[in-house]
N, C-alpha and C. Protein backbone atom coordinates (compact mmCIF):
# COMPACT_ATOMS: atom_id res chain seq x y z
N GLN A 1 93.10 150.33 27.02
CA GLN A 1 92.94 149.58 27.44
C GLN A 1 91.88 149.11 28.44
N VAL A 2 90.20 148.45 28.18
CA VAL A 2 90.04 148.52 29.03
C VAL A 2 89.35 146.70 29.41
N GLN A 3 88.90 147.14 31.16
CA GLN A 3 88.97 145.99 31.89
C GLN A 3 87.46 146.18 32.38
N LEU A 4 87.04 144.55 32.20
CA LEU A 4 85.40 144.67 32.44
C LEU A 4 85.69 143.37 34.26
N VAL A 5 84.79 144.09 35.07
CA VAL A 5 84.37 143.20 36.07
C VAL A 5 82.99 142.48 36.45
N GLU A 6 82.46 141.29 36.73
CA GLU A 6 81.20 141.18 37.14
C GLU A 6 81.57 141.35 38.61
N SER A 7 79.76 141.11 38.80
CA SER A 7 79.96 140.54 40.59
C SER A 7 78.19 139.94 40.59
N GLY A 8 77.90 139.43 41.19
CA GLY A 8 76.34 139.55 42.34
C GLY A 8 75.68 138.42 41.77
N GLY A 9 76.53 137.32 41.24
CA GLY A 9 76.28 136.08 40.77
C GLY A 9 75.68 135.53 41.76
N GLY A 10 75.63 134.28 41.93
CA GLY A 10 75.24 132.96 42.51
C GLY A 10 73.94 132.69 42.59
N LEU A 11 72.86 131.59 43.45
CA LEU A 11 72.05 130.23 43.66
C LEU A 11 71.15 130.74 44.17
N VAL A 12 69.91 131.18 43.56
CA VAL A 12 68.83 131.43 44.07
C VAL A 12 67.81 130.35 42.78
N GLN A 13 66.47 130.75 44.26
CA GLN A 13 65.40 129.89 43.76
C GLN A 13 64.71 130.63 42.66
N ALA A 14 63.98 129.53 41.71
CA ALA A 14 62.65 129.76 41.11
C ALA A 14 62.05 130.98 41.26
N GLY A 15 61.88 132.13 40.80
CA GLY A 15 61.30 132.94 41.40
C GLY A 15 62.25 133.72 41.29
N GLY A 16 62.87 133.94 42.70
CA GLY A 16 64.24 134.78 42.96
C GLY A 16 64.22 135.90 42.57
N SER A 17 65.62 136.63 42.38
CA SER A 17 65.71 137.86 41.93
C SER A 17 67.31 138.03 42.18
N LEU A 18 68.29 138.53 41.58
CA LEU A 18 69.80 138.38 41.59
C LEU A 18 70.14 140.10 40.65
N ARG A 19 70.76 140.81 41.47
CA ARG A 19 71.44 142.09 40.18
C ARG A 19 72.78 141.73 40.58
N LEU A 20 73.05 141.72 38.75
CA LEU A 20 74.91 141.96 38.19
C LEU A 20 75.51 143.58 38.29
N SER A 21 76.06 143.34 38.51
CA SER A 21 77.15 144.28 38.08
C SER A 21 78.47 144.61 37.57
N CYS A 22 78.47 145.78 36.77
CA CYS A 22 80.07 145.24 35.74
C CYS A 22 80.32 146.85 35.44
N ALA A 23 81.52 146.88 36.34
CA ALA A 23 82.28 147.64 36.11
C ALA A 23 83.41 147.70 35.48
N ALA A 24 83.64 148.74 34.87
CA ALA A 24 84.22 149.13 33.75
C ALA A 24 85.49 150.37 33.67
N SER A 25 86.69 149.90 33.44
CA SER A 25 87.91 151.23 33.34
C SER A 25 89.24 150.71 33.21
N GLY A 26 89.89 151.90 32.87
CA GLY A 26 90.28 152.41 31.37
C GLY A 26 89.97 152.78 31.12
N ARG A 27 89.77 152.95 29.71
CA ARG A 27 89.88 153.84 28.16
C ARG A 27 88.40 152.96 27.63
N THR A 28 87.67 153.20 28.80
CA THR A 28 86.65 153.68 28.80
C THR A 28 85.46 154.58 27.83
N PHE A 29 86.50 156.26 28.21
CA PHE A 29 85.55 157.33 27.87
C PHE A 29 85.06 157.92 26.11
N SER A 30 85.46 156.48 25.69
CA SER A 30 84.69 156.20 23.65
C SER A 30 84.29 155.12 23.78
N SER A 31 83.73 154.28 24.50
CA SER A 31 82.65 153.18 24.35
C SER A 31 81.59 153.98 23.93
N SER A 32 80.64 153.02 23.22
CA SER A 32 79.39 153.75 23.27
C SER A 32 78.10 152.62 23.47
N ALA A 33 78.11 151.63 23.70
CA ALA A 33 77.18 150.50 24.63
C ALA A 33 78.08 149.50 24.85
N MET A 34 77.26 149.45 26.36
CA MET A 34 77.86 147.76 27.16
C MET A 34 76.44 147.17 26.73
N GLY A 35 77.24 145.53 27.14
CA GLY A 35 75.67 144.81 27.57
C GLY A 35 75.99 143.53 27.65
N TRP A 36 75.45 142.64 28.28
CA TRP A 36 74.90 141.30 28.98
C TRP A 36 75.10 140.43 28.05
N PHE A 37 75.29 139.51 28.45
CA PHE A 37 75.54 137.72 27.19
C PHE A 37 75.07 136.77 28.13
N ARG A 38 75.30 135.74 27.80
CA ARG A 38 74.93 134.72 29.18
C ARG A 38 75.19 133.03 27.90
N GLN A 39 76.28 132.02 28.96
CA GLN A 39 76.47 131.09 28.16
C GLN A 39 76.06 129.95 29.03
N ALA A 40 75.19 128.94 28.87
CA ALA A 40 75.22 127.69 29.51
C ALA A 40 75.84 126.81 28.90
N PRO A 41 75.72 125.23 29.45
CA PRO A 41 77.01 124.38 29.19
C PRO A 41 76.63 124.31 28.51
N GLY A 42 77.88 123.62 27.38
CA GLY A 42 77.17 123.69 26.69
C GLY A 42 76.64 124.13 24.68
N LYS A 43 76.45 125.36 25.39
CA LYS A 43 75.66 126.28 24.95
C LYS A 43 76.35 127.72 23.69
N GLU A 44 75.71 127.85 22.52
CA GLU A 44 76.90 129.23 22.46
C GLU A 44 75.71 130.65 23.52
N ARG A 45 77.33 131.27 22.92
CA ARG A 45 76.74 132.28 23.74
C ARG A 45 75.54 132.98 23.51
N GLU A 46 74.62 133.84 23.68
CA GLU A 46 73.48 134.76 23.32
C GLU A 46 73.11 135.47 24.20
N PHE A 47 73.18 136.31 23.47
CA PHE A 47 72.76 137.92 23.95
C PHE A 47 71.55 138.39 25.35
N VAL A 48 71.73 138.73 25.54
CA VAL A 48 71.00 138.78 27.06
C VAL A 48 70.07 140.21 26.95
N ALA A 49 71.25 141.46 27.50
CA ALA A 49 70.58 142.76 26.92
C ALA A 49 71.35 143.55 26.58
N THR A 50 71.70 144.80 26.09
CA THR A 50 72.43 146.28 25.32
C THR A 50 72.18 147.48 26.43
N ILE A 51 72.76 148.38 26.55
CA ILE A 51 72.37 149.66 26.21
C ILE A 51 73.60 150.47 26.49
N ARG A 52 73.26 151.76 25.83
CA ARG A 52 73.51 152.86 25.17
C ARG A 52 74.13 153.81 26.55
N TRP A 53 75.53 153.88 26.60
CA TRP A 53 75.67 155.48 27.48
C TRP A 53 75.13 156.50 27.15
N SER A 54 75.46 156.34 26.15
CA SER A 54 74.36 158.02 25.78
C SER A 54 73.10 157.87 25.47
N GLY A 55 72.38 158.65 26.32
CA GLY A 55 71.18 158.12 26.48
C GLY A 55 70.16 157.46 26.91
N GLY A 56 71.31 156.91 27.30
CA GLY A 56 69.88 154.90 27.90
C GLY A 56 69.54 154.33 27.21
N SER A 57 69.40 154.23 25.65
CA SER A 57 68.51 153.54 24.71
C SER A 57 68.83 151.85 25.27
N THR A 58 68.27 150.69 25.28
CA THR A 58 68.47 150.02 26.08
C THR A 58 67.35 148.39 24.45
N TYR A 59 67.96 147.51 24.53
CA TYR A 59 67.83 146.36 23.93
C TYR A 59 67.54 144.67 24.40
N TYR A 60 66.57 143.75 24.51
CA TYR A 60 66.31 143.01 25.07
C TYR A 60 66.05 141.59 24.38
N ALA A 61 67.10 140.29 24.37
CA ALA A 61 65.76 139.65 24.25
C ALA A 61 64.56 138.85 24.82
N ASP A 62 64.13 138.88 23.88
CA ASP A 62 62.55 137.68 23.47
C ASP A 62 62.67 137.63 25.31
N SER A 63 63.53 136.20 25.29
CA SER A 63 63.38 135.29 26.47
C SER A 63 64.02 136.27 28.21
N VAL A 64 63.72 137.00 27.83
CA VAL A 64 64.44 137.99 29.22
C VAL A 64 63.55 139.10 29.34
N LYS A 65 63.07 140.02 28.56
CA LYS A 65 61.66 141.18 28.19
C LYS A 65 60.84 141.07 29.44
N GLY A 66 60.45 141.85 29.80
CA GLY A 66 59.69 141.89 30.85
C GLY A 66 59.88 141.33 32.33
N ARG A 67 61.14 140.10 32.29
CA ARG A 67 61.92 140.26 33.56
C ARG A 67 63.32 140.86 34.26
N PHE A 68 64.10 141.14 33.40
CA PHE A 68 64.80 141.91 33.74
C PHE A 68 64.73 143.61 32.60
N THR A 69 65.95 143.51 33.28
CA THR A 69 65.74 145.52 33.97
C THR A 69 67.26 145.48 33.12
N ILE A 70 68.42 146.42 32.95
CA ILE A 70 69.61 147.00 31.84
C ILE A 70 69.80 148.11 32.83
N SER A 71 70.31 148.19 33.21
CA SER A 71 70.73 150.10 33.63
C SER A 71 72.21 150.02 33.66
N ARG A 72 72.28 151.58 33.62
CA ARG A 72 73.90 152.35 33.52
C ARG A 72 73.65 153.04 35.01
N ASP A 73 75.31 153.89 35.38
CA ASP A 73 75.61 155.41 36.03
C ASP A 73 76.92 154.97 35.22
N ASN A 74 76.87 156.18 34.25
CA ASN A 74 78.10 156.67 34.01
C ASN A 74 78.63 157.41 34.31
N ALA A 75 78.40 157.80 36.37
CA ALA A 75 79.44 158.10 37.10
C ALA A 75 80.47 156.90 37.52
N LYS A 76 79.96 156.12 37.43
CA LYS A 76 81.03 154.99 38.13
C LYS A 76 81.19 154.36 37.11
N ASN A 77 81.00 154.39 35.32
CA ASN A 77 81.21 153.54 34.17
C ASN A 77 80.68 152.50 35.03
N THR A 78 79.21 152.32 35.61
CA THR A 78 78.94 150.70 35.44
C THR A 78 77.56 150.77 35.44
N VAL A 79 77.54 149.14 34.65
CA VAL A 79 76.33 148.79 34.02
C VAL A 79 75.59 147.46 35.19
N TYR A 80 74.17 147.31 35.38
CA TYR A 80 73.14 146.60 35.83
C TYR A 80 72.60 146.35 35.11
N LEU A 81 72.15 144.59 36.16
CA LEU A 81 71.10 143.75 34.88
C LEU A 81 69.63 143.61 35.89
N GLN A 82 69.58 143.99 36.52
CA GLN A 82 68.64 142.84 37.53
C GLN A 82 67.32 142.74 36.91
N MET A 83 67.42 141.58 37.50
CA MET A 83 67.26 140.37 37.31
C MET A 83 65.78 138.81 38.00
N ASN A 84 64.62 139.61 37.39
CA ASN A 84 63.54 139.10 38.44
C ASN A 84 63.09 138.02 37.65
N SER A 85 62.23 137.10 38.60
CA SER A 85 61.65 136.00 38.39
C SER A 85 61.85 135.22 37.61
N LEU A 86 63.28 134.71 37.97
CA LEU A 86 64.92 133.57 37.35
C LEU A 86 63.27 132.48 37.28
N LYS A 87 64.26 132.18 36.40
CA LYS A 87 63.66 130.27 36.27
C LYS A 87 64.86 129.54 36.16
N PRO A 88 64.35 128.31 36.32
CA PRO A 88 65.94 127.70 35.65
C PRO A 88 66.77 127.35 34.03
N GLU A 89 66.07 128.16 33.73
CA GLU A 89 66.41 128.42 32.22
C GLU A 89 67.11 129.04 32.55
N ASP A 90 67.31 130.64 32.72
CA ASP A 90 68.78 131.58 33.21
C ASP A 90 70.01 131.01 34.02
N THR A 91 69.52 130.16 34.47
CA THR A 91 71.47 129.34 34.38
C THR A 91 72.22 129.45 33.52
N ALA A 92 73.30 130.21 34.12
CA ALA A 92 74.85 130.70 33.24
C ALA A 92 75.75 131.55 33.39
N VAL A 93 76.73 130.99 32.81
CA VAL A 93 77.81 132.24 32.87
C VAL A 93 76.96 134.34 32.72
N TYR A 94 76.96 134.47 33.19
CA TYR A 94 76.65 135.78 32.51
C TYR A 94 77.70 136.64 32.51
N TYR A 95 78.35 136.90 30.87
CA TYR A 95 79.08 137.99 30.92
C TYR A 95 78.53 139.79 30.54
N CYS A 96 80.07 140.47 30.49
CA CYS A 96 79.38 141.62 30.51
C CYS A 96 80.26 142.01 29.82
N ALA A 97 80.25 142.72 28.28
CA ALA A 97 80.84 143.39 27.05
C ALA A 97 81.00 145.07 26.69
N LEU A 98 82.06 145.26 26.53
CA LEU A 98 82.26 146.95 26.27
C LEU A 98 82.34 147.32 24.76
N ARG A 99 81.46 148.27 23.78
CA ARG A 99 80.94 148.12 22.32
C ARG A 99 82.10 149.25 22.43
N ILE A 100 83.08 149.97 21.25
CA ILE A 100 83.18 150.93 21.24
C ILE A 100 82.97 151.78 20.62
N SER A 101 81.84 152.06 18.80
CA SER A 101 81.41 152.05 18.98
C SER A 101 79.72 151.60 18.22
N GLY A 102 79.42 152.20 17.56
CA GLY A 102 78.42 152.11 17.14
C GLY A 102 76.34 151.54 17.91
N TRP A 103 75.96 151.10 17.75
CA TRP A 103 73.97 150.81 18.53
C TRP A 103 73.88 149.30 17.49
N GLY A 104 74.12 149.67 16.47
CA GLY A 104 73.24 148.08 15.51
C GLY A 104 73.89 147.01 16.42
N ASN A 105 72.85 146.11 15.55
CA ASN A 105 73.17 144.47 15.83
C ASN A 105 73.57 144.38 17.20
N GLY A 106 73.11 145.24 18.12
CA GLY A 106 73.49 145.19 19.43
C GLY A 106 73.41 144.04 20.06
N ALA A 107 72.67 142.49 19.40
CA ALA A 107 72.51 141.05 19.65
C ALA A 107 73.71 140.66 19.50
N LEU A 108 74.85 140.58 18.31
CA LEU A 108 76.09 140.20 17.82
C LEU A 108 76.87 140.14 19.09
N VAL A 109 77.02 138.78 19.46
CA VAL A 109 78.71 138.92 19.53
C VAL A 109 79.97 139.29 19.97
N SER A 110 80.40 139.51 17.74
CA SER A 110 81.41 140.29 17.40
C SER A 110 81.04 141.53 17.19
N ARG A 111 79.58 143.02 17.50
CA ARG A 111 79.90 143.67 17.82
C ARG A 111 80.22 144.64 18.97
N TYR A 112 80.90 143.43 20.37
CA TYR A 112 81.41 143.94 21.02
C TYR A 112 83.14 143.95 21.32
N ASP A 113 84.44 144.30 22.20
CA ASP A 113 85.70 145.06 21.42
C ASP A 113 86.24 144.33 22.88
N TYR A 114 85.74 144.50 24.02
CA TYR A 114 85.82 143.95 25.13
C TYR A 114 85.06 142.84 26.70
N TRP A 115 85.34 141.87 26.82
CA TRP A 115 84.97 141.09 27.17
C TRP A 115 84.66 140.85 29.05
N GLY A 116 84.41 140.78 30.24
CA GLY A 116 84.61 140.75 32.02
C GLY A 116 85.00 139.16 31.73
N GLN A 117 84.92 138.46 33.06
CA GLN A 117 85.32 137.26 32.99
C GLN A 117 84.13 136.24 33.30
N GLY A 118 83.35 136.69 33.56
CA GLY A 118 81.78 135.78 34.10
C GLY A 118 82.05 136.57 35.44
N THR A 119 80.03 135.83 35.25
CA THR A 119 79.95 135.28 36.95
C THR A 119 78.47 134.38 36.67
N GLN A 120 79.04 133.65 37.56
CA GLN A 120 77.67 132.03 37.35
C GLN A 120 76.40 132.22 38.52
N VAL A 121 75.39 132.70 37.49
CA VAL A 121 73.84 132.17 38.14
C VAL A 121 73.24 130.60 37.53
N THR A 122 72.92 130.64 39.02
CA THR A 122 72.03 129.65 39.12
C THR A 122 71.13 129.94 39.61
N VAL A 123 69.68 128.89 38.76
CA VAL A 123 68.91 128.96 39.31
C VAL A 123 68.54 127.66 39.74
N SER A 124 67.87 127.81 40.75
CA SER A 124 67.15 126.21 40.87
C SER A 124 65.64 125.69 41.53
N SER A 125 65.30 124.61 40.84
CA SER A 125 64.15 124.79 40.96
C SER A 125 62.75 123.81 41.43
């Protein structure tokens, strides 16, 4: 079993920054990648970014490219999402997710096996 715990959400003004963390515990040694998704009220969960544990390859949604950076600390089993130049449309509950195997199609919710409980990010205008 795997547990994912997000932290770092909060309220920030437009143009500001936040860093989210996701700590993974349990049977994480066999996982291949981690991802961040977000879900705004009344909308479907959407992909934000993903990173491979081995090698650190990354992939971003176009909407956050150049503003958000995903990184990982393998020793701590922790993934981060540094969010800069935040916009009101970034407001959502942010979820981290763990993928047991594979790398392709990392933007699909269905590729991930475990999910955290989510952390709220609110960007005021």
